[in-house]
Amino acid sequence: MGDDSYGINRETVERMVREVKEVSDLGVQIGVVIGGGNIFRGVSQGAVGMDRATADYMGMLATVINALALADAMNRGGLVARVQSALSIEPVVEPYIRGKAIRYLEEGKIVIFAAGTGNPFFTTDTAARFAGARSRPTSSSRRRRWTASTPPTRRRTPRPRSTTRSPSTRRS
């Protein structure tokens, strides 16, 4: 995370925490989908010729490393963050459980989604869309490395207008 070619840049993480805290202080529920390119790029030369699924799993593990670093910085910065992973590695992070993620969001905690979708061949962008859909946000704002969701609200969906005209309004 940061401008370095690989690794975790502490200044960038601290800036991200400040930005997330500003939004969280407004009462917005925040779910973060994090990537792992900063770590995986450092080993990508060794992955040349590697099985694609294996390389993708390595990338997922890199997202877990970033999620742990970000959660630690958030917790030290006055936020309460929870990491949920699409891969089962319970001694390190808890598994993704939709109901639990929603409960955390409703409690004002930041939920960091790690390990993408848990399936090779899918990008972190796909995971961001899945996480947003599963956590029932009413809006999402994509910023570099974080997404924010507002609490759900009930809105009446307007009915579509009829495309047929009554005989008195038809044009000849």
Protein backbone atom coordinates (compact mmCIF):
# COMPACT_ATOMS: atom_id res chain seq x y z
CA MET A 1 0.00 0.00 0.00
CA GLY A 2 1.59 3.21 -1.12
CA ASP A 3 3.91 4.58 -3.75
CA ASP A 4 6.69 2.09 -3.06
CA SER A 5 7.14 -0.62 -5.69
CA TYR A 6 6.14 -3.22 -3.08
CA GLY A 7 5.56 -3.54 0.65
CA ILE A 8 3.43 -1.54 3.04
CA ASN A 9 4.02 2.19 3.23
CA ARG A 10 3.09 3.32 6.75
CA GLU A 11 2.35 6.92 5.66
CA THR A 12 -0.16 5.67 3.09
CA VAL A 13 -1.85 3.40 5.61
CA GLU A 14 -2.10 6.25 8.13
CA ARG A 15 -3.56 8.55 5.46
CA MET A 16 -6.14 5.90 4.58
CA VAL A 17 -7.08 5.55 8.25
CA ARG A 18 -7.57 9.33 8.56
CA GLU A 19 -9.79 9.37 5.44
CA VAL A 20 -11.88 6.42 6.61
CA LYS A 21 -12.21 7.97 10.09
CA GLU A 22 -13.51 11.23 8.60
CA VAL A 23 -16.23 9.34 6.74
CA SER A 24 -16.98 7.03 9.67
CA ASP A 25 -17.42 10.03 11.97
CA LEU A 26 -20.28 11.11 9.69
CA GLY A 27 -22.13 7.90 10.60
CA VAL A 28 -21.47 6.11 7.33
CA GLN A 29 -21.14 2.32 7.40
CA ILE A 30 -17.84 1.39 5.77
CA GLY A 31 -16.71 -1.85 4.20
CA VAL A 32 -13.22 -1.98 2.75
CA VAL A 33 -12.23 -4.38 -0.02
CA ILE A 34 -8.46 -4.44 -0.15
CA GLY A 35 -6.06 -5.59 -2.83
CA GLY A 36 -2.67 -7.20 -2.56
CA GLY A 37 -0.72 -5.93 -5.54
CA ASN A 38 1.80 -4.09 -3.39
CA ILE A 39 2.91 -7.39 -1.88
CA PHE A 40 2.40 -9.72 -4.82
CA ARG A 41 4.33 -7.43 -7.20
CA GLY A 42 7.38 -8.04 -5.02
CA VAL A 43 7.27 -11.77 -5.79
CA SER A 44 5.67 -11.67 -9.25
CA GLN A 45 8.94 -12.39 -11.07
CA GLY A 46 9.08 -15.68 -9.20
CA ALA A 47 5.50 -16.40 -10.28
CA VAL A 48 6.32 -16.29 -14.01
CA GLY A 49 5.19 -19.58 -15.54
CA MET A 50 3.33 -20.52 -12.36
CA ASP A 51 -0.10 -22.12 -12.47
CA ARG A 52 -2.65 -19.28 -12.64
CA ALA A 53 -4.76 -20.59 -9.75
CA THR A 54 -1.68 -20.86 -7.51
CA ALA A 55 -0.66 -17.31 -8.37
CA ASP A 56 -4.20 -16.10 -7.65
CA TYR A 57 -4.17 -17.78 -4.23
CA MET A 58 -0.85 -16.06 -3.49
CA GLY A 59 -2.52 -12.77 -4.39
CA MET A 60 -5.43 -13.57 -2.06
CA LEU A 61 -2.99 -14.19 0.79
CA ALA A 62 -1.37 -10.83 0.01
CA THR A 63 -4.77 -9.16 0.52
CA VAL A 64 -4.99 -10.80 3.95
CA ILE A 65 -1.60 -9.31 4.87
CA ASN A 66 -2.80 -5.85 3.78
CA ALA A 67 -6.10 -6.29 5.62
CA LEU A 68 -4.29 -7.16 8.85
CA ALA A 69 -1.99 -4.14 8.49
CA LEU A 70 -4.92 -1.81 7.79
CA ALA A 71 -7.06 -3.22 10.63
CA ASP A 72 -4.18 -2.81 13.06
CA ALA A 73 -3.66 0.81 11.99
CA MET A 74 -7.41 1.51 12.20
CA ASN A 75 -7.69 0.00 15.68
CA ARG A 76 -4.71 2.08 16.84
CA GLY A 77 -6.27 5.14 15.16
CA GLY A 78 -9.48 5.06 17.18
CA LEU A 79 -11.62 2.96 14.86
CA VAL A 80 -12.89 -0.56 15.44
CA ALA A 81 -12.05 -2.75 12.47
CA ARG A 82 -12.81 -6.40 11.75
CA VAL A 83 -11.22 -8.49 9.01
CA GLN A 84 -13.28 -11.12 7.24
CA SER A 85 -11.70 -13.45 4.70
CA ALA A 86 -13.15 -15.38 1.78
CA LEU A 87 -10.48 -18.01 2.51
CA SER A 88 -10.76 -20.09 5.65
CA ILE A 89 -7.79 -19.14 7.86
CA GLU A 90 -9.56 -18.75 11.20
CA PRO A 91 -6.54 -18.57 13.48
CA VAL A 92 -5.58 -15.39 11.60
CA VAL A 93 -8.89 -13.77 10.55
CA GLU A 94 -12.52 -14.69 10.81
CA PRO A 95 -14.35 -16.16 7.82
CA TYR A 96 -16.73 -14.04 5.80
CA ILE A 97 -20.21 -14.45 7.25
CA ARG A 98 -22.76 -12.11 5.70
CA GLY A 99 -24.91 -11.66 8.81
CA LYS A 100 -21.89 -10.95 10.95
CA ALA A 101 -20.55 -8.41 8.45
CA ILE A 102 -23.90 -6.61 8.41
CA ARG A 103 -24.05 -6.63 12.22
CA TYR A 104 -20.53 -5.18 12.43
CA LEU A 105 -21.51 -2.42 9.98
CA GLU A 106 -24.66 -1.64 11.97
CA GLU A 107 -22.52 -1.43 15.13
CA GLY A 108 -20.34 1.20 13.44
CA LYS A 109 -17.36 -1.09 12.95
CA ILE A 110 -15.26 -1.02 9.80
CA VAL A 111 -15.33 -4.35 7.95
CA ILE A 112 -12.28 -5.20 5.85
CA PHE A 113 -12.96 -7.89 3.28
CA ALA A 114 -9.85 -9.93 2.41
CA ALA A 115 -8.94 -12.71 -0.05
CA GLY A 116 -11.13 -11.44 -2.86
CA THR A 117 -13.94 -13.85 -3.69
CA GLY A 118 -11.92 -16.82 -2.45
CA ASN A 119 -11.84 -18.18 -5.98
CA PRO A 120 -9.02 -17.97 -8.50
CA PHE A 121 -9.59 -16.15 -11.81
CA PHE A 122 -11.63 -13.31 -10.23
CA THR A 123 -10.29 -9.82 -9.60
CA THR A 124 -10.49 -7.74 -6.44
CA ASP A 125 -12.90 -5.47 -8.34
CA THR A 126 -15.28 -8.42 -8.61
CA ALA A 127 -14.90 -9.00 -4.87
CA ALA A 128 -15.71 -5.33 -4.21
CA ARG A 129 -18.97 -5.63 -6.13
CA PHE A 130 -19.85 -8.88 -4.33
CA ALA A 131 -19.08 -7.38 -0.92
CA GLY A 132 -21.19 -4.34 -1.70
CA ALA A 133 -24.12 -6.40 -2.90
CA ARG A 134 -23.93 -8.80 0.04
CA SER A 135 -23.72 -6.03 2.64
CA ARG A 136 -26.84 -4.25 1.29
CA PRO A 137 -25.54 -0.72 0.79
CA THR A 138 -27.75 1.83 -0.90
CA SER A 139 -24.81 3.61 -2.45
CA SER A 140 -21.16 2.99 -2.98
CA SER A 141 -18.30 5.33 -3.67
CA ARG A 142 -15.25 3.69 -5.20
CA ARG A 143 -12.07 5.33 -4.10
CA ARG A 144 -8.62 4.00 -4.43
CA ARG A 145 -8.52 0.94 -2.17
CA TRP A 146 -11.72 1.59 -0.22
CA THR A 147 -15.48 1.65 -0.65
CA ALA A 148 -18.03 3.28 1.60
CA SER A 149 -21.62 2.26 2.10
CA THR A 150 -24.45 4.27 3.58
CA PRO A 151 -27.04 2.66 5.85
CA PRO A 152 -29.94 1.10 3.95
CA THR A 153 -33.06 3.22 3.55
CA ARG A 154 -36.48 2.33 2.24
CA ARG A 155 -37.38 4.15 -0.93
CA ARG A 156 -40.53 3.78 -2.91
CA THR A 157 -39.71 2.75 -6.45
CA PRO A 158 -41.82 4.78 -8.90
CA ARG A 159 -43.94 2.75 -11.26
CA PRO A 160 -43.10 3.10 -14.93
CA ARG A 161 -45.50 5.22 -16.88
CA SER A 162 -47.65 3.56 -19.45
CA THR A 163 -46.31 3.83 -22.96
CA THR A 164 -49.76 3.63 -24.52
CA ARG A 165 -51.89 6.72 -24.83
CA SER A 166 -55.57 7.00 -24.20
CA PRO A 167 -57.75 7.56 -27.29
CA SER A 168 -58.24 11.23 -26.36
CA THR A 169 -54.47 11.96 -26.35
CA ARG A 170 -53.45 10.00 -29.44
CA ARG A 171 -52.08 11.99 -32.34
CA SER A 172 -53.41 11.30 -35.78
